[in-house]
Amino acid sequence: MNLLCSTFKVKYSGTKSYDNKFNHGGTKDVGGSTTYRVVGLVPGSNYKFEVYGTSVCGESLSIFLKEETKIAGEHSIEAFVSII
């Protein structure tokens, strides 16, 4: 665990190349946890994730990830983010 950060945040935003109006996203404060599972992602979407820490001194540099969700029928779509 990073002792300099008191809490971590995960931001995500999903888009579809064929639908300019589609935007699915959110921000989750995950506390001191260094892992977080983002659930409820929409199949067939391109997601961008931003992970950063916060403390009384401000915000850390962000880590950025990109992932495309597959068309998975009725399966649950999720992403797992780990902060090392």
PDB file of N, CA and C in Angstrom:
ATOM      1  N   MET A   1       0.839  -1.194   0.000  1.00  0.00           N
ATOM      2  CA  MET A   1       0.000   0.000   0.000  1.00  0.00           C
ATOM      3  C   MET A   1       0.872   1.241   0.000  1.00  0.00           C
ATOM      4  N   ASN A   2       0.478   2.223  -0.727  1.00  0.00           N
ATOM      5  CA  ASN A   2       1.192   3.478  -0.799  1.00  0.00           C
ATOM      6  C   ASN A   2       0.852   4.303   0.443  1.00  0.00           C
ATOM      7  N   LEU A   3       1.817   4.497   1.334  1.00  0.00           N
ATOM      8  CA  LEU A   3       1.561   5.205   2.590  1.00  0.00           C
ATOM      9  C   LEU A   3       1.409   6.713   2.395  1.00  0.00           C
ATOM     10  N   LEU A   4       1.780   7.222   1.220  1.00  0.00           N
ATOM     11  CA  LEU A   4       1.650   8.647   0.970  1.00  0.00           C
ATOM     12  C   LEU A   4       0.224   9.041   0.597  1.00  0.00           C
ATOM     13  N   CYS A   5      -0.552   8.100   0.103  1.00  0.00           N
ATOM     14  CA  CYS A   5      -1.933   8.372  -0.296  1.00  0.00           C
ATOM     15  C   CYS A   5      -2.872   7.806   0.755  1.00  0.00           C
ATOM     16  N   SER A   6      -3.810   8.613   1.197  1.00  0.00           N
ATOM     17  CA  SER A   6      -4.753   8.147   2.208  1.00  0.00           C
ATOM     18  C   SER A   6      -5.974   7.484   1.595  1.00  0.00           C
ATOM     19  N   THR A   7      -6.256   7.804   0.324  1.00  0.00           N
ATOM     20  CA  THR A   7      -7.398   7.206  -0.364  1.00  0.00           C
ATOM     21  C   THR A   7      -7.124   7.173  -1.862  1.00  0.00           C
ATOM     22  N   PHE A   8      -7.780   6.255  -2.549  1.00  0.00           N
ATOM     23  CA  PHE A   8      -7.632   6.139  -3.995  1.00  0.00           C
ATOM     24  C   PHE A   8      -8.968   6.358  -4.668  1.00  0.00           C
ATOM     25  N   LYS A   9      -8.917   6.883  -5.905  1.00  0.00           N
ATOM     26  CA  LYS A   9     -10.133   7.092  -6.689  1.00  0.00           C
ATOM     27  C   LYS A   9      -9.969   6.430  -8.048  1.00  0.00           C
ATOM     28  N   VAL A  10     -11.084   5.889  -8.549  1.00  0.00           N
ATOM     29  CA  VAL A  10     -11.132   5.287  -9.878  1.00  0.00           C
ATOM     30  C   VAL A  10     -12.204   6.023 -10.676  1.00  0.00           C
ATOM     31  N   LYS A  11     -11.807   6.630 -11.787  1.00  0.00           N
ATOM     32  CA  LYS A  11     -12.756   7.272 -12.705  1.00  0.00           C
ATOM     33  C   LYS A  11     -12.814   6.411 -13.958  1.00  0.00           C
ATOM     34  N   TYR A  12     -14.003   6.285 -14.529  1.00  0.00           N
ATOM     35  CA  TYR A  12     -14.110   5.544 -15.778  1.00  0.00           C
ATOM     36  C   TYR A  12     -15.128   6.199 -16.693  1.00  0.00           C
ATOM     37  N   SER A  13     -14.896   6.035 -17.997  1.00  0.00           N
ATOM     38  CA  SER A  13     -15.790   6.595 -19.000  1.00  0.00           C
ATOM     39  C   SER A  13     -15.819   5.649 -20.189  1.00  0.00           C
ATOM     40  N   GLY A  14     -17.037   5.247 -20.586  1.00  0.00           N
ATOM     41  CA  GLY A  14     -17.198   4.341 -21.706  1.00  0.00           C
ATOM     42  C   GLY A  14     -17.872   5.021 -22.873  1.00  0.00           C
ATOM     43  N   THR A  15     -17.395   4.731 -24.084  1.00  0.00           N
ATOM     44  CA  THR A  15     -17.971   5.278 -25.305  1.00  0.00           C
ATOM     45  C   THR A  15     -18.150   4.152 -26.323  1.00  0.00           C
ATOM     46  N   LYS A  16     -18.928   4.441 -27.346  1.00  0.00           N
ATOM     47  CA  LYS A  16     -19.116   3.513 -28.466  1.00  0.00           C
ATOM     48  C   LYS A  16     -18.783   4.277 -29.738  1.00  0.00           C
ATOM     49  N   SER A  17     -17.972   3.670 -30.596  1.00  0.00           N
ATOM     50  CA  SER A  17     -17.525   4.362 -31.811  1.00  0.00           C
ATOM     51  C   SER A  17     -18.686   4.681 -32.752  1.00  0.00           C
ATOM     52  N   TYR A  18     -19.750   3.910 -32.708  1.00  0.00           N
ATOM     53  CA  TYR A  18     -20.876   4.106 -33.622  1.00  0.00           C
ATOM     54  C   TYR A  18     -22.017   4.919 -33.013  1.00  0.00           C
ATOM     55  N   ASP A  19     -21.873   5.349 -31.753  1.00  0.00           N
ATOM     56  CA  ASP A  19     -22.945   6.090 -31.084  1.00  0.00           C
ATOM     57  C   ASP A  19     -22.331   7.250 -30.298  1.00  0.00           C
ATOM     58  N   ASN A  20     -22.272   8.420 -30.911  1.00  0.00           N
ATOM     59  CA  ASN A  20     -21.631   9.582 -30.280  1.00  0.00           C
ATOM     60  C   ASN A  20     -22.355  10.071 -29.034  1.00  0.00           C
ATOM     61  N   LYS A  21     -23.624   9.703 -28.851  1.00  0.00           N
ATOM     62  CA  LYS A  21     -24.381  10.150 -27.684  1.00  0.00           C
ATOM     63  C   LYS A  21     -24.177   9.250 -26.466  1.00  0.00           C
ATOM     64  N   PHE A  22     -23.640   8.043 -26.689  1.00  0.00           N
ATOM     65  CA  PHE A  22     -23.447   7.104 -25.584  1.00  0.00           C
ATOM     66  C   PHE A  22     -22.259   7.528 -24.724  1.00  0.00           C
ATOM     67  N   ASN A  23     -22.472   7.608 -23.432  1.00  0.00           N
ATOM     68  CA  ASN A  23     -21.400   7.882 -22.476  1.00  0.00           C
ATOM     69  C   ASN A  23     -21.798   7.258 -21.156  1.00  0.00           C
ATOM     70  N   HIS A  24     -21.006   6.300 -20.707  1.00  0.00           N
ATOM     71  CA  HIS A  24     -21.273   5.613 -19.444  1.00  0.00           C
ATOM     72  C   HIS A  24     -20.036   5.748 -18.570  1.00  0.00           C
ATOM     73  N   GLY A  25     -20.194   6.336 -17.392  1.00  0.00           N
ATOM     74  CA  GLY A  25     -19.025   6.526 -16.549  1.00  0.00           C
ATOM     75  C   GLY A  25     -19.374   6.841 -15.124  1.00  0.00           C
ATOM     76  N   GLY A  26     -18.333   7.063 -14.361  1.00  0.00           N
ATOM     77  CA  GLY A  26     -18.513   7.396 -12.965  1.00  0.00           C
ATOM     78  C   GLY A  26     -17.181   7.535 -12.260  1.00  0.00           C
ATOM     79  N   THR A  27     -17.245   7.869 -10.995  1.00  0.00           N
ATOM     80  CA  THR A  27     -16.070   7.982 -10.135  1.00  0.00           C
ATOM     81  C   THR A  27     -16.369   7.247  -8.843  1.00  0.00           C
ATOM     82  N   LYS A  28     -15.413   6.479  -8.373  1.00  0.00           N
ATOM     83  CA  LYS A  28     -15.590   5.729  -7.134  1.00  0.00           C
ATOM     84  C   LYS A  28     -14.417   5.994  -6.209  1.00  0.00           C
ATOM     85  N   ASP A  29     -14.717   6.431  -5.004  1.00  0.00           N
ATOM     86  CA  ASP A  29     -13.705   6.571  -3.960  1.00  0.00           C
ATOM     87  C   ASP A  29     -13.561   5.199  -3.320  1.00  0.00           C
ATOM     88  N   VAL A  30     -12.401   4.571  -3.472  1.00  0.00           N
ATOM     89  CA  VAL A  30     -12.218   3.208  -2.978  1.00  0.00           C
ATOM     90  C   VAL A  30     -11.481   3.170  -1.639  1.00  0.00           C
ATOM     91  N   GLY A  31     -11.373   4.332  -0.989  1.00  0.00           N
ATOM     92  CA  GLY A  31     -10.721   4.381   0.315  1.00  0.00           C
ATOM     93  C   GLY A  31      -9.257   3.984   0.207  1.00  0.00           C
ATOM     94  N   GLY A  32      -8.778   3.226   1.170  1.00  0.00           N
ATOM     95  CA  GLY A  32      -7.389   2.788   1.187  1.00  0.00           C
ATOM     96  C   GLY A  32      -7.160   1.490   0.443  1.00  0.00           C
ATOM     97  N   SER A  33      -8.208   0.934  -0.162  1.00  0.00           N
ATOM     98  CA  SER A  33      -8.085  -0.331  -0.881  1.00  0.00           C
ATOM     99  C   SER A  33      -7.219  -0.163  -2.127  1.00  0.00           C
ATOM    100  N   THR A  34      -6.346  -1.134  -2.396  1.00  0.00           N
ATOM    101  CA  THR A  34      -5.502  -1.075  -3.582  1.00  0.00           C
ATOM    102  C   THR A  34      -6.060  -1.920  -4.722  1.00  0.00           C
ATOM    103  N   THR A  35      -7.259  -2.466  -4.561  1.00  0.00           N
ATOM    104  CA  THR A  35      -7.938  -3.171  -5.643  1.00  0.00           C
ATOM    105  C   THR A  35      -9.393  -2.724  -5.675  1.00  0.00           C
ATOM    106  N   TYR A  36      -9.960  -2.714  -6.871  1.00  0.00           N
ATOM    107  CA  TYR A  36     -11.365  -2.351  -7.015  1.00  0.00           C
ATOM    108  C   TYR A  36     -11.920  -3.002  -8.270  1.00  0.00           C
ATOM    109  N   ARG A  37     -13.088  -3.574  -8.173  1.00  0.00           N
ATOM    110  CA  ARG A  37     -13.756  -4.212  -9.302  1.00  0.00           C
ATOM    111  C   ARG A  37     -14.884  -3.307  -9.779  1.00  0.00           C
ATOM    112  N   VAL A  38     -14.771  -2.822 -11.020  1.00  0.00           N
ATOM    113  CA  VAL A  38     -15.801  -1.976 -11.617  1.00  0.00           C
ATOM    114  C   VAL A  38     -16.831  -2.907 -12.254  1.00  0.00           C
ATOM    115  N   VAL A  39     -18.061  -2.865 -11.773  1.00  0.00           N
ATOM    116  CA  VAL A  39     -19.110  -3.743 -12.299  1.00  0.00           C
ATOM    117  C   VAL A  39     -20.127  -2.921 -13.088  1.00  0.00           C
ATOM    118  N   GLY A  40     -20.905  -3.610 -13.921  1.00  0.00           N
ATOM    119  CA  GLY A  40     -21.961  -2.944 -14.667  1.00  0.00           C
ATOM    120  C   GLY A  40     -21.500  -2.259 -15.936  1.00  0.00           C
ATOM    121  N   LEU A  41     -20.318  -2.643 -16.451  1.00  0.00           N
ATOM    122  CA  LEU A  41     -19.849  -2.050 -17.693  1.00  0.00           C
ATOM    123  C   LEU A  41     -20.702  -2.554 -18.856  1.00  0.00           C
ATOM    124  N   VAL A  42     -20.852  -1.733 -19.877  1.00  0.00           N
ATOM    125  CA  VAL A  42     -21.725  -2.043 -21.003  1.00  0.00           C
ATOM    126  C   VAL A  42     -20.940  -2.811 -22.073  1.00  0.00           C
ATOM    127  N   PRO A  43     -21.442  -3.953 -22.520  1.00  0.00           N
ATOM    128  CA  PRO A  43     -20.751  -4.732 -23.559  1.00  0.00           C
ATOM    129  C   PRO A  43     -20.561  -3.924 -24.843  1.00  0.00           C
ATOM    130  N   GLY A  44     -19.442  -4.183 -25.535  1.00  0.00           N
ATOM    131  CA  GLY A  44     -19.180  -3.520 -26.809  1.00  0.00           C
ATOM    132  C   GLY A  44     -18.805  -2.060 -26.679  1.00  0.00           C
ATOM    133  N   SER A  45     -18.214  -1.679 -25.547  1.00  0.00           N
ATOM    134  CA  SER A  45     -17.847  -0.283 -25.291  1.00  0.00           C
ATOM    135  C   SER A  45     -16.345  -0.150 -25.088  1.00  0.00           C
ATOM    136  N   ASN A  46     -15.832   1.035 -25.367  1.00  0.00           N
ATOM    137  CA  ASN A  46     -14.425   1.360 -25.121  1.00  0.00           C
ATOM    138  C   ASN A  46     -14.351   2.175 -23.839  1.00  0.00           C
ATOM    139  N   TYR A  47     -13.663   1.648 -22.838  1.00  0.00           N
ATOM    140  CA  TYR A  47     -13.567   2.325 -21.550  1.00  0.00           C
ATOM    141  C   TYR A  47     -12.174   2.874 -21.321  1.00  0.00           C
ATOM    142  N   LYS A  48     -12.139   4.051 -20.713  1.00  0.00           N
ATOM    143  CA  LYS A  48     -10.905   4.656 -20.222  1.00  0.00           C
ATOM    144  C   LYS A  48     -11.011   4.718 -18.707  1.00  0.00           C
ATOM    145  N   PHE A  49      -9.965   4.281 -18.027  1.00  0.00           N
ATOM    146  CA  PHE A  49      -9.918   4.307 -16.572  1.00  0.00           C
ATOM    147  C   PHE A  49      -8.796   5.229 -16.126  1.00  0.00           C
ATOM    148  N   GLU A  50      -9.059   5.972 -15.063  1.00  0.00           N
ATOM    149  CA  GLU A  50      -8.041   6.824 -14.441  1.00  0.00           C
ATOM    150  C   GLU A  50      -8.019   6.475 -12.965  1.00  0.00           C
ATOM    151  N   VAL A  51      -6.827   6.158 -12.455  1.00  0.00           N
ATOM    152  CA  VAL A  51      -6.661   5.807 -11.044  1.00  0.00           C
ATOM    153  C   VAL A  51      -5.652   6.767 -10.436  1.00  0.00           C
ATOM    154  N   TYR A  52      -6.018   7.348  -9.289  1.00  0.00           N
ATOM    155  CA  TYR A  52      -5.095   8.263  -8.626  1.00  0.00           C
ATOM    156  C   TYR A  52      -5.332   8.248  -7.115  1.00  0.00           C
ATOM    157  N   GLY A  53      -4.325   8.684  -6.392  1.00  0.00           N
ATOM    158  CA  GLY A  53      -4.417   8.765  -4.945  1.00  0.00           C
ATOM    159  C   GLY A  53      -4.629  10.192  -4.493  1.00  0.00           C
ATOM    160  N   THR A  54      -5.199  10.331  -3.314  1.00  0.00           N
ATOM    161  CA  THR A  54      -5.369  11.656  -2.726  1.00  0.00           C
ATOM    162  C   THR A  54      -4.856  11.648  -1.291  1.00  0.00           C
ATOM    163  N   SER A  55      -4.455  12.806  -0.832  1.00  0.00           N
ATOM    164  CA  SER A  55      -4.015  12.980   0.551  1.00  0.00           C
ATOM    165  C   SER A  55      -4.293  14.426   0.945  1.00  0.00           C
ATOM    166  N   VAL A  56      -3.895  14.802   2.134  1.00  0.00           N
ATOM    167  CA  VAL A  56      -4.097  16.185   2.573  1.00  0.00           C
ATOM    168  C   VAL A  56      -3.293  17.160   1.720  1.00  0.00           C
ATOM    169  N   CYS A  57      -2.285  16.661   1.011  1.00  0.00           N
ATOM    170  CA  CYS A  57      -1.449  17.503   0.158  1.00  0.00           C
ATOM    171  C   CYS A  57      -1.977  17.638  -1.267  1.00  0.00           C
ATOM    172  N   GLY A  58      -3.011  16.886  -1.628  1.00  0.00           N
ATOM    173  CA  GLY A  58      -3.560  16.970  -2.986  1.00  0.00           C
ATOM    174  C   GLY A  58      -3.676  15.610  -3.636  1.00  0.00           C
ATOM    175  N   GLU A  59      -3.592  15.594  -4.974  1.00  0.00           N
ATOM    176  CA  GLU A  59      -3.744  14.372  -5.750  1.00  0.00           C
ATOM    177  C   GLU A  59      -2.405  13.914  -6.318  1.00  0.00           C
ATOM    178  N   SER A  60      -2.260  12.585  -6.439  1.00  0.00           N
ATOM    179  CA  SER A  60      -1.058  12.020  -7.045  1.00  0.00           C
ATOM    180  C   SER A  60      -1.169  12.076  -8.569  1.00  0.00           C
ATOM    181  N   LEU A  61      -0.111  11.692  -9.234  1.00  0.00           N
ATOM    182  CA  LEU A  61      -0.177  11.527 -10.679  1.00  0.00           C
ATOM    183  C   LEU A  61      -1.130  10.373 -10.982  1.00  0.00           C
ATOM    184  N   SER A  62      -1.790  10.451 -12.106  1.00  0.00           N
ATOM    185  CA  SER A  62      -2.774   9.427 -12.480  1.00  0.00           C
ATOM    186  C   SER A  62      -2.134   8.306 -13.285  1.00  0.00           C
ATOM    187  N   ILE A  63      -2.746   7.141 -13.186  1.00  0.00           N
ATOM    188  CA  ILE A  63      -2.437   6.006 -14.047  1.00  0.00           C
ATOM    189  C   ILE A  63      -3.640   5.855 -14.969  1.00  0.00           C
ATOM    190  N   PHE A  64      -3.409   5.698 -16.267  1.00  0.00           N
ATOM    191  CA  PHE A  64      -4.492   5.583 -17.241  1.00  0.00           C
ATOM    192  C   PHE A  64      -4.479   4.199 -17.872  1.00  0.00           C
ATOM    193  N   LEU A  65      -5.669   3.643 -18.042  1.00  0.00           N
ATOM    194  CA  LEU A  65      -5.836   2.337 -18.676  1.00  0.00           C
ATOM    195  C   LEU A  65      -6.960   2.441 -19.693  1.00  0.00           C
ATOM    196  N   LYS A  66      -6.877   1.636 -20.757  1.00  0.00           N
ATOM    197  CA  LYS A  66      -7.960   1.558 -21.744  1.00  0.00           C
ATOM    198  C   LYS A  66      -8.322   0.091 -21.907  1.00  0.00           C
ATOM    199  N   GLU A  67      -9.611  -0.164 -22.052  1.00  0.00           N
ATOM    200  CA  GLU A  67     -10.080  -1.539 -22.228  1.00  0.00           C
ATOM    201  C   GLU A  67     -11.368  -1.533 -23.025  1.00  0.00           C
ATOM    202  N   GLU A  68     -11.510  -2.493 -23.933  1.00  0.00           N
ATOM    203  CA  GLU A  68     -12.746  -2.657 -24.690  1.00  0.00           C
ATOM    204  C   GLU A  68     -13.501  -3.846 -24.120  1.00  0.00           C
ATOM    205  N   THR A  69     -14.765  -3.626 -23.776  1.00  0.00           N
ATOM    206  CA  THR A  69     -15.579  -4.738 -23.300  1.00  0.00           C
ATOM    207  C   THR A  69     -16.110  -5.494 -24.499  1.00  0.00           C
ATOM    208  N   LYS A  70     -16.136  -6.803 -24.385  1.00  0.00           N
ATOM    209  CA  LYS A  70     -16.606  -7.662 -25.471  1.00  0.00           C
ATOM    210  C   LYS A  70     -18.115  -7.856 -25.363  1.00  0.00           C
ATOM    211  N   ILE A  71     -18.727  -8.215 -26.466  1.00  0.00           N
ATOM    212  CA  ILE A  71     -20.136  -8.585 -26.454  1.00  0.00           C
ATOM    213  C   ILE A  71     -20.188  -9.957 -25.788  1.00  0.00           C
ATOM    214  N   ALA A  72     -20.817 -10.018 -24.612  1.00  0.00           N
ATOM    215  CA  ALA A  72     -20.744 -11.240 -23.810  1.00  0.00           C
ATOM    216  C   ALA A  72     -22.119 -11.810 -23.483  1.00  0.00           C
ATOM    217  N   GLY A  73     -23.116 -11.474 -24.262  1.00  0.00           N
ATOM    218  CA  GLY A  73     -24.450 -11.994 -23.969  1.00  0.00           C
ATOM    219  C   GLY A  73     -24.930 -11.507 -22.618  1.00  0.00           C
ATOM    220  N   GLU A  74     -25.342 -12.433 -21.778  1.00  0.00           N
ATOM    221  CA  GLU A  74     -25.880 -12.065 -20.474  1.00  0.00           C
ATOM    222  C   GLU A  74     -24.840 -12.125 -19.360  1.00  0.00           C
ATOM    223  N   HIS A  75     -23.586 -12.330 -19.702  1.00  0.00           N
ATOM    224  CA  HIS A  75     -22.549 -12.398 -18.676  1.00  0.00           C
ATOM    225  C   HIS A  75     -22.307 -11.023 -18.060  1.00  0.00           C
ATOM    226  N   SER A  76     -21.888 -11.017 -16.829  1.00  0.00           N
ATOM    227  CA  SER A  76     -21.556  -9.770 -16.145  1.00  0.00           C
ATOM    228  C   SER A  76     -20.269  -9.198 -16.731  1.00  0.00           C
ATOM    229  N   ILE A  77     -20.267  -7.929 -17.036  1.00  0.00           N
ATOM    230  CA  ILE A  77     -19.083  -7.266 -17.571  1.00  0.00           C
ATOM    231  C   ILE A  77     -18.465  -6.463 -16.439  1.00  0.00           C
ATOM    232  N   GLU A  78     -17.169  -6.652 -16.226  1.00  0.00           N
ATOM    233  CA  GLU A  78     -16.507  -5.913 -15.147  1.00  0.00           C
ATOM    234  C   GLU A  78     -15.039  -5.742 -15.473  1.00  0.00           C
ATOM    235  N   ALA A  79     -14.406  -4.808 -14.784  1.00  0.00           N
ATOM    236  CA  ALA A  79     -12.962  -4.575 -14.920  1.00  0.00           C
ATOM    237  C   ALA A  79     -12.375  -4.605 -13.525  1.00  0.00           C
ATOM    238  N   PHE A  80     -11.169  -5.090 -13.423  1.00  0.00           N
ATOM    239  CA  PHE A  80     -10.489  -5.197 -12.142  1.00  0.00           C
ATOM    240  C   PHE A  80      -9.280  -4.271 -12.177  1.00  0.00           C
ATOM    241  N   VAL A  81      -9.217  -3.341 -11.254  1.00  0.00           N
ATOM    242  CA  VAL A  81      -8.130  -2.371 -11.199  1.00  0.00           C
ATOM    243  C   VAL A  81      -7.316  -2.646  -9.951  1.00  0.00           C
ATOM    244  N   SER A  82      -6.003  -2.790 -10.121  1.00  0.00           N
ATOM    245  CA  SER A  82      -5.118  -3.043  -8.989  1.00  0.00           C
ATOM    246  C   SER A  82      -4.072  -1.946  -8.925  1.00  0.00           C
ATOM    247  N   ILE A  83      -3.868  -1.397  -7.754  1.00  0.00           N
ATOM    248  CA  ILE A  83      -2.898  -0.328  -7.530  1.00  0.00           C
ATOM    249  C   ILE A  83      -1.738  -0.934  -6.757  1.00  0.00           C
ATOM    250  N   ILE A  84      -0.565  -0.873  -7.341  1.00  0.00           N
ATOM    251  CA  ILE A  84       0.606  -1.475  -6.676  1.00  0.00           C
ATOM    252  C   ILE A  84       1.479  -0.393  -6.106  1.00  0.00           C
TER     253      ILE A  84
END
